[in-house]
Protein backbone atom coordinates (compact mmCIF):
# COMPACT_ATOMS: atom_id res chain seq x y z
CA UNK A 1 6.29 -17.73 3.33
CA UNK A 2 7.96 -16.66 6.36
CA UNK A 3 10.08 -13.72 6.90
CA UNK A 4 11.65 -11.62 9.48
CA UNK A 5 11.58 -7.75 8.99
CA UNK A 6 12.08 -4.69 11.15
CA UNK A 7 12.36 -6.85 14.26
CA UNK A 8 8.59 -8.16 13.19
CA UNK A 9 8.03 -11.93 12.32
CA UNK A 10 5.56 -12.23 9.19
CA UNK A 11 4.19 -15.65 9.02
CA UNK A 12 2.18 -16.24 5.70
CA UNK A 13 2.82 -19.99 5.49
CA UNK A 14 -0.70 -21.42 5.49
CA UNK A 15 -1.27 -24.07 8.46
CA UNK A 16 1.84 -23.29 9.99
CA UNK A 17 2.52 -23.62 13.84
CA UNK A 18 4.33 -21.05 15.85
CA UNK A 19 5.68 -22.25 19.31
CA UNK A 20 8.10 -21.00 21.90
CA UNK A 21 11.22 -23.50 22.52
CA UNK A 22 13.19 -21.93 25.62
CA UNK A 23 13.68 -18.47 24.36
CA UNK A 24 13.22 -19.13 20.74
CA UNK A 25 10.41 -18.57 18.70
CA UNK A 26 9.87 -21.83 16.09
CA UNK A 27 7.76 -21.45 12.81
CA UNK A 28 7.15 -25.17 11.73
CA UNK A 29 4.78 -27.45 9.67
CA UNK A 30 4.78 -31.15 8.70
CA UNK A 31 7.77 -30.88 6.50
CA UNK A 32 9.83 -29.33 9.57
CA UNK A 33 11.29 -26.19 10.80
CA UNK A 34 10.75 -23.19 8.42
CA UNK A 35 12.27 -20.70 10.72
CA UNK A 36 13.69 -20.37 14.08
CA UNK A 37 14.68 -16.76 15.82
CA UNK A 38 15.45 -15.59 19.52
CA UNK A 39 12.28 -14.28 21.07
CA UNK A 40 14.40 -11.25 22.27
CA UNK A 41 14.92 -10.23 18.64
CA UNK A 42 11.16 -10.00 17.77
CA UNK A 43 8.93 -6.74 18.62
CA UNK A 44 5.81 -8.28 17.32
CA UNK A 45 4.74 -11.22 15.54
CA UNK A 46 2.08 -10.81 12.61
CA UNK A 47 0.24 -13.90 11.23
CA UNK A 48 -2.01 -14.04 7.96
CA UNK A 49 -4.66 -16.80 7.48
CA UNK A 50 -4.98 -20.18 9.29
CA UNK A 51 -1.52 -20.00 11.35
CA UNK A 52 -1.64 -21.85 14.92
CA UNK A 53 0.11 -19.94 17.88
CA UNK A 54 0.68 -21.81 20.99
CA UNK A 55 -0.75 -20.26 24.37
CA UNK A 56 2.79 -20.31 25.99
CA UNK A 57 4.17 -17.93 23.29
CA UNK A 58 1.12 -15.65 23.44
CA UNK A 59 1.30 -15.58 27.10
CA UNK A 60 5.12 -14.75 26.96
CA UNK A 61 4.52 -12.03 24.34
CA UNK A 62 1.84 -10.47 26.41
CA UNK A 63 3.98 -10.43 29.57
CA UNK A 64 6.81 -8.71 27.70
CA UNK A 65 4.73 -6.30 25.76
CA UNK A 66 5.20 -7.82 22.34
CA UNK A 67 1.96 -7.67 20.10
CA UNK A 68 0.94 -10.57 18.31
CA UNK A 69 -1.42 -9.41 15.34
CA UNK A 70 -3.89 -11.63 13.29
CA UNK A 71 -4.70 -10.71 9.85
CA UNK A 72 -7.06 -13.05 7.49
CA UNK A 73 -5.68 -14.65 4.25
CA UNK A 74 -6.43 -11.58 2.40
CA UNK A 75 -4.34 -9.20 4.87
CA UNK A 76 -7.46 -7.91 6.52
CA UNK A 77 -6.72 -6.90 10.31
CA UNK A 78 -8.64 -8.86 12.60
CA UNK A 79 -7.17 -8.69 16.04
CA UNK A 80 -4.27 -7.62 18.11
CA UNK A 81 -3.17 -9.40 21.45
CA UNK A 82 -1.11 -7.24 23.80
CA UNK A 83 -0.52 -7.22 27.44
CA UNK A 84 -1.30 -4.57 29.94
CA UNK A 85 1.94 -2.59 29.42
CA UNK A 86 1.21 -1.44 25.87
CA UNK A 87 2.58 1.65 24.26
CA UNK A 88 -0.20 2.27 21.66
CA UNK A 89 -1.45 5.29 23.61
CA UNK A 90 2.03 6.78 23.56
CA UNK A 91 2.22 5.78 19.68
CA UNK A 92 -1.12 7.52 18.94
CA UNK A 93 -0.23 10.46 20.85
CA UNK A 94 2.79 10.91 19.04
CA UNK A 95 1.21 10.39 15.69
CA UNK A 96 -1.57 13.04 16.58
CA UNK A 97 1.51 15.43 17.68
CA UNK A 98 2.92 15.04 14.17
CA UNK A 99 -0.36 15.54 12.63
CA UNK A 100 -1.16 18.57 14.28
CA UNK A 101 2.24 20.13 14.17
CA UNK A 102 2.17 22.09 10.80
CA UNK A 103 5.78 21.72 10.06
CA UNK A 104 6.18 18.16 10.75
CA UNK A 105 2.85 17.29 9.06
CA UNK A 106 4.28 19.26 6.11
CA UNK A 107 7.18 17.50 5.90
CA UNK A 108 5.58 14.15 6.17
CA UNK A 109 3.34 15.03 3.15
CA UNK A 110 6.32 16.42 0.88
CA UNK A 111 8.08 13.29 1.55
CA UNK A 112 4.85 11.06 0.58
CA UNK A 113 4.17 12.97 -2.23
CA UNK A 114 7.62 12.95 -3.73
CA UNK A 115 7.33 9.25 -3.31
CA UNK A 116 4.18 9.14 -5.25
CA UNK A 117 5.50 11.33 -8.03
CA UNK A 118 8.65 9.28 -8.43
CA UNK A 119 6.90 5.85 -8.53
CA UNK A 120 4.21 7.34 -11.01
CA UNK A 121 7.18 8.84 -13.27
CA UNK A 122 8.70 5.31 -13.14
CA UNK A 123 5.46 3.86 -14.66
CA UNK A 124 5.46 6.56 -17.38
CA UNK A 125 9.23 6.22 -18.31
CA UNK A 126 8.58 2.28 -18.48
CA UNK A 127 5.52 2.97 -20.52
CA UNK A 128 7.34 5.48 -22.84
CA UNK A 129 10.06 3.02 -23.68
CA UNK A 130 7.43 0.27 -24.60
CA UNK A 131 5.34 2.92 -26.66
CA UNK A 132 3.34 1.77 -29.62
CA UNK A 133 4.41 5.00 -31.55
CA UNK A 134 5.98 8.19 -31.75
CA UNK A 135 3.31 10.22 -30.51
CA UNK A 136 2.55 7.98 -27.66
CA UNK A 137 6.16 8.17 -26.67
CA UNK A 138 6.18 11.76 -26.95
CA UNK A 139 3.14 12.34 -24.58
CA UNK A 140 4.33 9.86 -22.07
CA UNK A 141 7.79 11.24 -21.71
CA UNK A 142 6.22 14.85 -21.47
CA UNK A 143 4.12 13.63 -18.69
CA UNK A 144 7.30 11.90 -16.71
CA UNK A 145 9.34 15.04 -17.36
CA UNK A 146 6.14 17.03 -15.51
CA UNK A 147 6.58 14.79 -12.83
CA UNK A 148 10.36 15.35 -12.46
CA UNK A 149 9.76 19.18 -12.37
CA UNK A 150 6.91 18.55 -9.50
CA UNK A 151 9.68 16.93 -7.66
CA UNK A 152 11.69 19.70 -7.55
CA UNK A 153 9.04 21.81 -6.86
CA UNK A 154 8.10 20.31 -3.76
CA UNK A 155 11.49 21.16 -2.38
CA UNK A 156 10.10 24.82 -2.02
CA UNK A 157 6.54 24.42 -1.13
CA UNK A 158 5.69 26.24 2.36
CA UNK A 159 1.88 25.16 2.92
CA UNK A 160 -0.29 21.84 2.54
CA UNK A 161 -2.12 23.43 -0.28
CA UNK A 162 0.81 24.25 -2.35
CA UNK A 163 2.03 20.61 -1.74
CA UNK A 164 -1.25 19.50 -2.96
CA UNK A 165 -1.46 21.90 -5.84
CA UNK A 166 1.83 20.66 -7.08
CA UNK A 167 0.53 17.11 -7.07
CA UNK A 168 -2.51 17.74 -8.73
CA UNK A 169 -1.00 19.41 -11.74
CA UNK A 170 1.24 16.34 -12.33
CA UNK A 171 -1.76 13.71 -11.38
CA UNK A 172 -3.64 15.76 -14.34
CA UNK A 173 -0.71 15.33 -16.62
CA UNK A 174 -0.71 11.70 -15.96
CA UNK A 175 -4.12 10.91 -16.64
CA UNK A 176 -3.91 13.16 -19.73
CA UNK A 177 -1.45 10.58 -20.91
CA UNK A 178 -2.77 7.41 -19.51
CA UNK A 179 -4.72 6.37 -22.39
CA UNK A 180 -1.51 6.14 -24.32
CA UNK A 181 -0.52 3.14 -21.76
CA UNK A 182 -3.63 1.00 -22.73
CA UNK A 183 -2.34 -0.95 -25.96
CA UNK A 184 -5.27 -3.38 -26.47
CA UNK A 185 -9.01 -3.03 -26.25
CA UNK A 186 -8.64 0.56 -27.07
CA UNK A 187 -12.12 0.95 -27.92
CA UNK A 188 -13.62 -0.79 -24.86
CA UNK A 189 -11.52 0.85 -22.27
CA UNK A 190 -10.87 4.23 -23.83
CA UNK A 191 -9.60 6.59 -20.80
CA UNK A 192 -10.38 10.30 -21.24
CA UNK A 193 -10.41 11.92 -17.60
CA UNK A 194 -10.24 10.32 -14.33
CA UNK A 195 -13.90 9.97 -12.61
CA UNK A 196 -14.93 8.71 -9.38
CA UNK A 197 -18.24 8.39 -7.43
CA UNK A 198 -19.65 6.69 -9.99
CA UNK A 199 -16.81 5.87 -12.52
CA UNK A 200 -18.07 6.79 -15.92
CA UNK A 201 -16.20 4.07 -18.00
CA UNK A 202 -14.65 0.81 -17.63
CA UNK A 203 -11.01 2.02 -16.82
CA UNK A 204 -12.12 4.13 -14.18
CA UNK A 205 -14.24 1.53 -12.82
CA UNK A 206 -11.45 -0.74 -12.64
CA UNK A 207 -8.82 1.69 -11.12
CA UNK A 208 -11.70 2.72 -8.40
CA UNK A 209 -12.00 -1.14 -7.52
CA UNK A 210 -8.23 -1.58 -7.18
CA UNK A 211 -7.92 1.67 -5.02
CA UNK A 212 -10.35 0.51 -2.67
CA UNK A 213 -8.57 -2.73 -2.14
CA UNK A 214 -5.50 -1.03 -1.47
CA UNK A 215 -6.96 1.36 1.07
CA UNK A 216 -8.38 -1.62 2.86
CA UNK A 217 -5.05 -3.18 2.92
CA UNK A 218 -3.45 -0.19 4.09
CA UNK A 219 -5.91 0.53 6.85
CA UNK A 220 -5.32 -3.10 8.15
CA UNK A 221 -1.70 -2.31 8.19
CA UNK A 222 -1.90 0.82 10.15
CA UNK A 223 -4.24 -0.84 12.62
CA UNK A 224 -1.81 -3.70 13.27
CA UNK A 225 0.80 -1.46 14.43
CA UNK A 226 -1.37 0.65 16.21
CA UNK A 227 -1.77 3.78 14.38
CA UNK A 228 -5.19 5.76 13.75
CA UNK A 229 -6.12 4.97 10.08
CA UNK A 230 -8.39 8.03 10.27
CA UNK A 231 -6.01 10.94 11.47
CA UNK A 232 -4.07 11.68 8.20
CA UNK A 233 -1.61 14.69 7.32
CA UNK A 234 -2.14 14.83 3.51
CA UNK A 235 -5.71 14.11 3.13
CA UNK A 236 -8.22 16.20 4.95
CA UNK A 237 -9.98 14.94 8.03
CA UNK A 238 -13.63 14.04 7.38
CA UNK A 239 -15.97 11.61 9.38
CA UNK A 240 -15.58 7.82 8.47
CA UNK A 241 -12.55 8.67 6.09
CA UNK A 242 -9.30 6.68 6.43
CA UNK A 243 -7.01 9.62 5.89
CA UNK A 244 -3.90 8.33 7.12
CA UNK A 245 -4.74 5.02 5.06
CA UNK A 246 -5.11 7.21 2.09
CA UNK A 247 -2.00 8.95 2.84
CA UNK A 248 0.11 5.56 2.77
CA UNK A 249 -1.87 4.40 -0.44
CA UNK A 250 -0.32 7.39 -2.27
CA UNK A 251 3.01 5.43 -2.39
CA UNK A 252 1.51 2.29 -4.06
CA UNK A 253 -1.21 3.81 -6.34
CA UNK A 254 0.82 3.91 -9.64
CA UNK A 255 3.17 0.61 -9.11
CA UNK A 256 0.59 -1.92 -7.63
CA UNK A 257 -2.89 -0.38 -8.69
CA UNK A 258 -2.40 1.22 -12.05
CA UNK A 259 0.04 -1.32 -13.39
CA UNK A 260 -2.20 -4.22 -12.41
CA UNK A 261 -4.97 -2.43 -14.10
CA UNK A 262 -3.12 -1.87 -17.20
CA UNK A 263 -1.67 -5.40 -17.31
CA UNK A 264 -5.29 -7.06 -16.97
CA UNK A 265 -6.72 -4.74 -19.87
CA UNK A 266 -3.50 -5.00 -21.98
CA UNK A 267 -3.20 -9.12 -21.55
CA UNK A 268 -7.06 -9.13 -22.07
CA UNK A 269 -7.83 -10.91 -18.54
CA UNK A 270 -10.49 -8.26 -17.99
CA UNK A 271 -12.67 -7.72 -20.88
CA UNK A 272 -16.01 -5.16 -21.61
CA UNK A 273 -18.11 -8.68 -20.32
CA UNK A 274 -16.69 -7.89 -17.02
CA UNK A 275 -18.47 -4.64 -16.40
CA UNK A 276 -22.18 -3.38 -16.04
CA UNK A 277 -23.40 -0.14 -17.58
CA UNK A 278 -25.84 1.41 -15.13
CA UNK A 279 -28.51 4.38 -15.43
CA UNK A 280 -26.65 7.69 -15.63
CA UNK A 281 -23.83 6.17 -17.31
CA UNK A 282 -22.07 4.62 -14.15
CA UNK A 283 -19.91 1.61 -14.91
CA UNK A 284 -18.92 -0.93 -12.19
CA UNK A 285 -17.25 -4.23 -12.40
CA UNK A 286 -19.80 -7.19 -12.20
CA UNK A 287 -19.58 -10.14 -9.87
CA UNK A 288 -17.30 -12.24 -12.28
CA UNK A 289 -15.17 -9.34 -12.91
CA UNK A 290 -14.60 -8.66 -9.38
CA UNK A 291 -13.64 -12.01 -8.87
CA UNK A 292 -10.96 -11.93 -11.83
CA UNK A 293 -9.59 -8.96 -10.19
CA UNK A 294 -9.39 -10.05 -6.82
CA UNK A 295 -7.76 -13.17 -7.90
CA UNK A 296 -5.22 -11.09 -9.97
CA UNK A 297 -4.61 -8.70 -6.85
CA UNK A 298 -3.93 -11.61 -4.80
CA UNK A 299 -1.40 -13.22 -7.02
CA UNK A 300 0.05 -9.69 -7.28
CA UNK A 301 0.44 -9.51 -3.43
CA UNK A 302 2.60 -12.73 -3.55
CA UNK A 303 4.97 -11.34 -6.30
CA UNK A 304 8.63 -10.63 -4.65
CA UNK A 305 10.01 -7.00 -5.23
CA UNK A 306 13.06 -5.04 -4.09
CA UNK A 307 12.55 -2.87 -1.08
CA UNK A 308 15.09 0.03 -0.63
CA UNK A 309 15.76 -0.92 3.01
CA UNK A 310 15.92 -4.50 2.77
CA UNK A 311 18.52 -6.87 0.91
CA UNK A 312 16.17 -9.59 0.39
CA UNK A 313 13.35 -9.14 -1.80
CA UNK A 314 9.83 -8.75 -0.17
CA UNK A 315 6.35 -9.87 -1.11
CA UNK A 316 4.10 -7.00 -2.63
CA UNK A 317 1.32 -7.75 0.08
CA UNK A 318 3.81 -7.00 3.01
CA UNK A 319 4.99 -3.53 1.54
CA UNK A 320 2.28 -1.61 3.40
CA UNK A 321 2.91 -3.60 6.59
CA UNK A 322 6.55 -2.62 6.49
CA UNK A 323 5.86 0.93 5.59
CA UNK A 324 3.19 1.31 8.41
CA UNK A 325 5.94 -0.05 10.90
CA UNK A 326 8.56 2.60 9.58
CA UNK A 327 5.69 5.22 9.99
CA UNK A 328 5.27 4.10 13.19
CA UNK A 329 9.17 4.37 14.20
CA UNK A 330 9.27 7.95 12.73
CA UNK A 331 6.32 8.87 14.88
CA UNK A 332 7.92 7.78 18.22
CA UNK A 333 11.34 9.56 16.91
CA UNK A 334 13.14 6.49 16.38
CA UNK A 335 13.81 7.93 13.09
CA UNK A 336 14.60 11.03 11.94
CA UNK A 337 11.62 11.20 9.23
CA UNK A 338 9.38 8.81 7.48
CA UNK A 339 11.01 7.04 4.37
CA UNK A 340 8.15 6.27 2.12
CA UNK A 341 8.54 3.37 -0.36
CA UNK A 342 10.02 4.33 -3.84
CA UNK A 343 10.95 2.03 -6.77
């Protein structure tokens, strides 16, 4: 798939060629032209996997300050080609200015958390409609109502700790109701409480693995646009911690990570045999389990969904790349504020 969004050309068609024809960028393969767009309409070109880019196009982009970003087929950042005139240092300074400004950082955190709460609420409401019995429906509906209240509470918080507290209370209600969304293999995948480092049961192990892949993808998206993945606002800074990537993950945790985990279990695409129980009661996916989840995750990234800012549907795997670019625009002041992704 090849698409043009936010003045950026995203080329995901494998073995496609990207070349410069006069002042136009042409994307083509053996079947013919896939897309043709004037170069001056583009601010960047992002290629995924095996995509061939001609040297004249690279040279023109370098001369004019357009970045060409290379990702592998799974969306992992590999390299960025950019000329001597780069705005990355100015973008990063703007990023650090926002992150170190209490008011601006709090505004970013509130909007991010509001999006997370709304997306999670949608997952709960959908599960409540499909609930297996009245008791499950009541628990899920109550958790959804708590999320609606939390969104209202965010409007009046004055500190980052207050914002985190509001989200934490909602998250507790969410995970207390999470077991009600597991409709098959309920004994093997019983969920009591969220546990990490290490996961204590199969569902927690599955969630942690999916969150880890989401985090890697968000790191790549931020690196691709030139932001510092480690300098976040909502998540506390720690050595080696991709705090800004974790901020970005919050928008997709429920709609991508949790929904995929539940689908894999409820459809019995993942079973107890895909996990190893280790000494000390830690549970981890085994090699067959990791492979099955990776395949399902890559398929999920190819699915088309609606994005509130665009008319055409967008592949799930481009969502964090689009949000990283929207974030960069907000950091530079091109937008009044950052607009997180909400379903």
